[in-house]
């Protein structure tokens, strides 16, 4: 099982920390469901702002030629909940999470919990060190990998923009999305179902934890179904 000291090393901080230095990490790992007075919420709020600033700096340094629109689309992927969950998974965070009994039994919510905790850890590092250097040291390798994938296949990551580009290019107008909530379970990967159509033609369905995720998946599936026509790849 990962320890806090091992977590520090995985975050790129090689020197052992004393108890005072570890406290922000303990707070970041304490979910509100644990019903403790000190929990991750404030650090998560801070981490959201720090993450967006650091991601913006990364894009400015490594991809200075991108348009503002392309920068915005790329940053959306570099700060997404799914991306945060993947980064948290690489840290083996799950055994360290301090959760309430209900949250411990909700396997469908683990990706959301991991994303929230990763964001809180970003806030904890910034609180402990007071600058973005450690954030860049930790996250830049992950950003480089994601940015390369996004820039090589942008429509795979932003299906709605890609589908809209195709439908407008064909003179078909805008695609329409019809989304329904299938369950009330937070974190359920199939909570929302979206159907995307062009006019009367149904193209594809998508499932997601949120309306936005379901719509993106439906749009990506529609683009894939349209391969072989003039749809962008």
Protein backbone atom coordinates (compact mmCIF):
# COMPACT_ATOMS: atom_id res chain seq x y z
CA UNK A 1 0.00 0.00 0.00
CA UNK A 2 1.22 3.48 -0.87
CA UNK A 3 2.31 5.61 2.11
CA UNK A 4 2.28 9.39 2.34
CA UNK A 5 6.06 9.48 2.02
CA UNK A 6 5.85 7.35 -1.12
CA UNK A 7 3.15 9.66 -2.43
CA UNK A 8 5.47 12.63 -1.99
CA UNK A 9 8.12 10.87 -4.06
CA UNK A 10 5.59 10.10 -6.80
CA UNK A 11 4.66 13.77 -6.80
CA UNK A 12 8.32 14.53 -7.57
CA UNK A 13 9.29 15.65 -4.07
CA UNK A 14 12.21 13.43 -3.18
CA UNK A 15 13.01 14.71 0.29
CA UNK A 16 11.27 13.13 3.31
CA UNK A 17 8.73 15.43 4.91
CA UNK A 18 7.98 16.08 8.55
CA UNK A 19 4.49 15.77 9.97
CA UNK A 20 3.66 19.44 9.44
CA UNK A 21 4.53 19.19 5.75
CA UNK A 22 2.39 16.07 5.39
CA UNK A 23 -0.72 17.64 6.91
CA UNK A 24 -1.96 19.31 3.68
CA UNK A 25 -1.70 15.92 1.98
CA UNK A 26 -3.75 14.30 4.76
CA UNK A 27 -6.37 16.99 4.36
CA UNK A 28 -6.47 16.54 0.58
CA UNK A 29 -7.03 12.82 1.02
CA UNK A 30 -9.94 13.32 3.45
CA UNK A 31 -13.25 13.33 1.58
CA UNK A 32 -16.27 15.21 2.87
CA UNK A 33 -18.12 11.89 3.21
CA UNK A 34 -15.83 11.05 6.14
CA UNK A 35 -17.77 13.78 8.02
CA UNK A 36 -14.64 15.30 9.53
CA UNK A 37 -14.36 19.01 10.18
CA UNK A 38 -11.14 19.27 8.17
CA UNK A 39 -11.59 17.86 4.67
CA UNK A 40 -10.55 18.28 1.06
CA UNK A 41 -13.16 20.80 -0.12
CA UNK A 42 -11.17 24.03 0.26
CA UNK A 43 -8.04 22.47 -1.22
CA UNK A 44 -10.05 21.13 -4.15
CA UNK A 45 -11.46 24.62 -4.80
CA UNK A 46 -7.94 26.07 -4.73
CA UNK A 47 -6.57 23.20 -6.80
CA UNK A 48 -9.08 23.89 -9.57
CA UNK A 49 -7.75 27.44 -9.99
CA UNK A 50 -4.10 26.37 -9.70
CA UNK A 51 -4.59 23.57 -12.23
CA UNK A 52 -6.11 25.90 -14.82
CA UNK A 53 -3.34 28.45 -14.40
CA UNK A 54 -0.59 25.83 -14.59
CA UNK A 55 -2.20 24.18 -17.63
CA UNK A 56 -2.42 27.57 -19.34
CA UNK A 57 1.29 28.15 -18.66
CA UNK A 58 2.10 24.69 -20.03
CA UNK A 59 0.24 25.40 -23.28
CA UNK A 60 1.88 28.83 -23.61
CA UNK A 61 5.35 27.32 -23.19
CA UNK A 62 4.99 24.15 -25.24
CA UNK A 63 2.38 25.09 -27.87
CA UNK A 64 2.75 28.85 -28.42
CA UNK A 65 1.49 28.73 -32.01
CA UNK A 66 -2.02 27.46 -31.19
CA UNK A 67 -4.97 29.78 -31.71
CA UNK A 68 -6.94 30.95 -28.68
CA UNK A 69 -9.76 28.56 -29.58
CA UNK A 70 -7.38 25.63 -29.93
CA UNK A 71 -5.74 26.54 -26.61
CA UNK A 72 -9.13 26.55 -24.92
CA UNK A 73 -10.05 23.16 -26.36
CA UNK A 74 -6.70 21.67 -25.37
CA UNK A 75 -6.86 23.07 -21.85
CA UNK A 76 -10.32 21.57 -21.40
CA UNK A 77 -8.73 18.14 -21.86
CA UNK A 78 -5.73 18.92 -19.63
CA UNK A 79 -7.99 19.77 -16.67
CA UNK A 80 -10.89 17.36 -17.26
CA UNK A 81 -12.24 15.10 -14.53
CA UNK A 82 -11.30 12.04 -16.56
CA UNK A 83 -7.73 13.29 -16.94
CA UNK A 84 -7.52 14.03 -13.22
CA UNK A 85 -8.78 10.55 -12.41
CA UNK A 86 -6.16 8.95 -14.66
CA UNK A 87 -3.41 10.99 -13.00
CA UNK A 88 -4.73 10.00 -9.58
CA UNK A 89 -4.75 6.37 -10.66
CA UNK A 90 -1.07 6.62 -11.60
CA UNK A 91 -0.41 7.69 -7.99
CA UNK A 92 -2.29 4.67 -6.60
CA UNK A 93 -4.42 7.04 -4.54
CA UNK A 94 -7.36 4.75 -3.82
CA UNK A 95 -5.88 3.01 -0.73
CA UNK A 96 -5.05 6.40 0.81
CA UNK A 97 -8.51 7.97 0.48
CA UNK A 98 -10.33 8.65 3.74
CA UNK A 99 -13.97 8.06 2.87
CA UNK A 100 -17.25 7.69 4.70
CA UNK A 101 -18.92 4.30 4.79
CA UNK A 102 -21.41 5.14 2.05
CA UNK A 103 -18.70 6.41 -0.30
CA UNK A 104 -16.57 3.34 0.40
CA UNK A 105 -19.36 1.13 -0.89
CA UNK A 106 -20.03 3.14 -4.05
CA UNK A 107 -17.71 1.60 -6.64
CA UNK A 108 -19.32 3.62 -9.46
CA UNK A 109 -18.15 6.88 -7.87
CA UNK A 110 -14.46 6.01 -7.50
CA UNK A 111 -13.39 7.86 -10.66
CA UNK A 112 -15.08 11.04 -9.46
CA UNK A 113 -13.60 10.65 -5.96
CA UNK A 114 -10.13 10.12 -7.42
CA UNK A 115 -10.46 13.20 -9.65
CA UNK A 116 -11.61 15.36 -6.73
CA UNK A 117 -8.72 14.14 -4.59
CA UNK A 118 -6.15 14.75 -7.31
CA UNK A 119 -7.39 18.32 -7.64
CA UNK A 120 -7.16 18.72 -3.85
CA UNK A 121 -3.59 17.41 -3.94
CA UNK A 122 -2.74 20.15 -6.44
CA UNK A 123 -4.13 22.66 -3.98
CA UNK A 124 -2.19 21.02 -1.14
CA UNK A 125 1.12 21.26 -3.00
CA UNK A 126 0.50 24.90 -3.81
CA UNK A 127 -0.42 25.59 -0.19
CA UNK A 128 2.71 23.86 1.10
CA UNK A 129 5.20 25.34 -1.39
CA UNK A 130 3.62 28.61 -2.53
CA UNK A 131 4.47 28.35 -6.24
CA UNK A 132 3.73 26.32 -9.37
CA UNK A 133 7.14 24.73 -9.83
CA UNK A 134 6.21 21.45 -8.15
CA UNK A 135 2.90 21.38 -10.02
CA UNK A 136 4.70 21.62 -13.37
CA UNK A 137 7.29 19.04 -12.30
CA UNK A 138 4.53 16.58 -11.43
CA UNK A 139 2.00 17.22 -14.19
CA UNK A 140 4.05 18.16 -17.26
CA UNK A 141 4.80 14.54 -18.30
CA UNK A 142 1.07 13.77 -18.10
CA UNK A 143 0.18 16.93 -20.01
CA UNK A 144 2.73 16.17 -22.74
CA UNK A 145 1.20 12.76 -23.34
CA UNK A 146 -2.37 14.06 -23.39
CA UNK A 147 -1.55 17.09 -25.53
CA UNK A 148 0.11 14.91 -28.15
CA UNK A 149 -2.95 12.67 -28.34
CA UNK A 150 -5.38 15.61 -28.47
CA UNK A 151 -3.49 17.47 -31.19
CA UNK A 152 -3.13 14.34 -33.30
CA UNK A 153 -6.84 13.43 -33.07
CA UNK A 154 -8.74 16.51 -31.87
CA UNK A 155 -12.17 15.24 -32.90
CA UNK A 156 -11.74 12.12 -30.79
CA UNK A 157 -11.50 14.37 -27.72
CA UNK A 158 -14.03 16.99 -28.78
CA UNK A 159 -16.60 15.11 -30.79
CA UNK A 160 -19.23 17.86 -30.64
CA UNK A 161 -16.98 20.37 -32.38
CA UNK A 162 -15.94 17.81 -34.97
CA UNK A 163 -19.51 16.75 -35.70
CA UNK A 164 -20.69 20.35 -35.96
CA UNK A 165 -17.84 21.11 -38.36
CA UNK A 166 -18.89 18.19 -40.55
CA UNK A 167 -22.63 18.92 -40.57
CA UNK A 168 -22.08 22.59 -41.38
CA UNK A 169 -19.58 21.65 -44.09
CA UNK A 170 -22.25 19.44 -45.65
CA UNK A 171 -24.86 22.18 -45.40
CA UNK A 172 -26.96 20.11 -43.01
CA UNK A 173 -27.22 22.61 -40.17
CA UNK A 174 -26.49 21.81 -36.54
CA UNK A 175 -26.78 18.35 -34.96
CA UNK A 176 -29.39 17.97 -32.25
CA UNK A 177 -28.85 16.22 -28.91
CA UNK A 178 -31.55 14.62 -26.79
CA UNK A 179 -30.30 13.59 -23.37
CA UNK A 180 -32.11 11.72 -20.60
CA UNK A 181 -31.12 10.89 -17.03
CA UNK A 182 -31.34 7.12 -16.60
CA UNK A 183 -30.37 6.87 -12.91
CA UNK A 184 -29.85 9.20 -9.95
CA UNK A 185 -26.58 7.55 -8.87
CA UNK A 186 -23.72 10.07 -8.70
CA UNK A 187 -20.69 8.82 -10.59
CA UNK A 188 -22.60 6.16 -12.55
CA UNK A 189 -20.82 5.92 -15.94
CA UNK A 190 -24.22 5.27 -17.59
CA UNK A 191 -26.24 7.85 -15.65
CA UNK A 192 -27.07 9.89 -18.78
CA UNK A 193 -27.93 8.70 -22.27
CA UNK A 194 -27.70 10.99 -25.28
CA UNK A 195 -29.05 10.51 -28.80
CA UNK A 196 -27.61 12.70 -31.54
CA UNK A 197 -29.37 13.32 -34.84
CA UNK A 198 -29.12 15.36 -38.01
CA UNK A 199 -32.61 16.35 -39.01
CA UNK A 200 -34.66 13.16 -38.85
CA UNK A 201 -31.61 10.92 -39.13
CA UNK A 202 -30.49 9.29 -35.87
CA UNK A 203 -26.71 8.94 -35.86
CA UNK A 204 -25.55 7.48 -32.57
CA UNK A 205 -26.02 7.16 -28.80
CA UNK A 206 -23.64 7.93 -25.95
CA UNK A 207 -23.57 7.17 -22.22
CA UNK A 208 -21.84 9.25 -19.54
CA UNK A 209 -21.61 10.38 -15.93
CA UNK A 210 -22.83 13.83 -16.96
CA UNK A 211 -24.90 15.29 -19.76
CA UNK A 212 -21.76 16.80 -21.26
CA UNK A 213 -19.89 13.47 -21.25
CA UNK A 214 -22.84 11.63 -22.81
CA UNK A 215 -23.13 14.25 -25.55
CA UNK A 216 -19.42 14.12 -26.31
CA UNK A 217 -19.50 10.33 -26.54
CA UNK A 218 -22.56 10.39 -28.78
CA UNK A 219 -20.90 12.92 -31.07
CA UNK A 220 -17.67 10.91 -31.21
CA UNK A 221 -19.65 7.76 -32.02
CA UNK A 222 -21.49 9.66 -34.77
CA UNK A 223 -18.21 10.78 -36.31
CA UNK A 224 -16.93 7.22 -36.21
CA UNK A 225 -20.11 6.00 -37.91
CA UNK A 226 -19.66 8.64 -40.59
CA UNK A 227 -16.14 7.46 -41.46
CA UNK A 228 -15.99 6.59 -45.10
CA UNK A 229 -17.99 9.69 -45.95
CA UNK A 230 -16.44 13.15 -45.88
CA UNK A 231 -16.51 13.35 -42.08
CA UNK A 232 -13.29 14.54 -40.45
CA UNK A 233 -11.18 11.81 -38.85
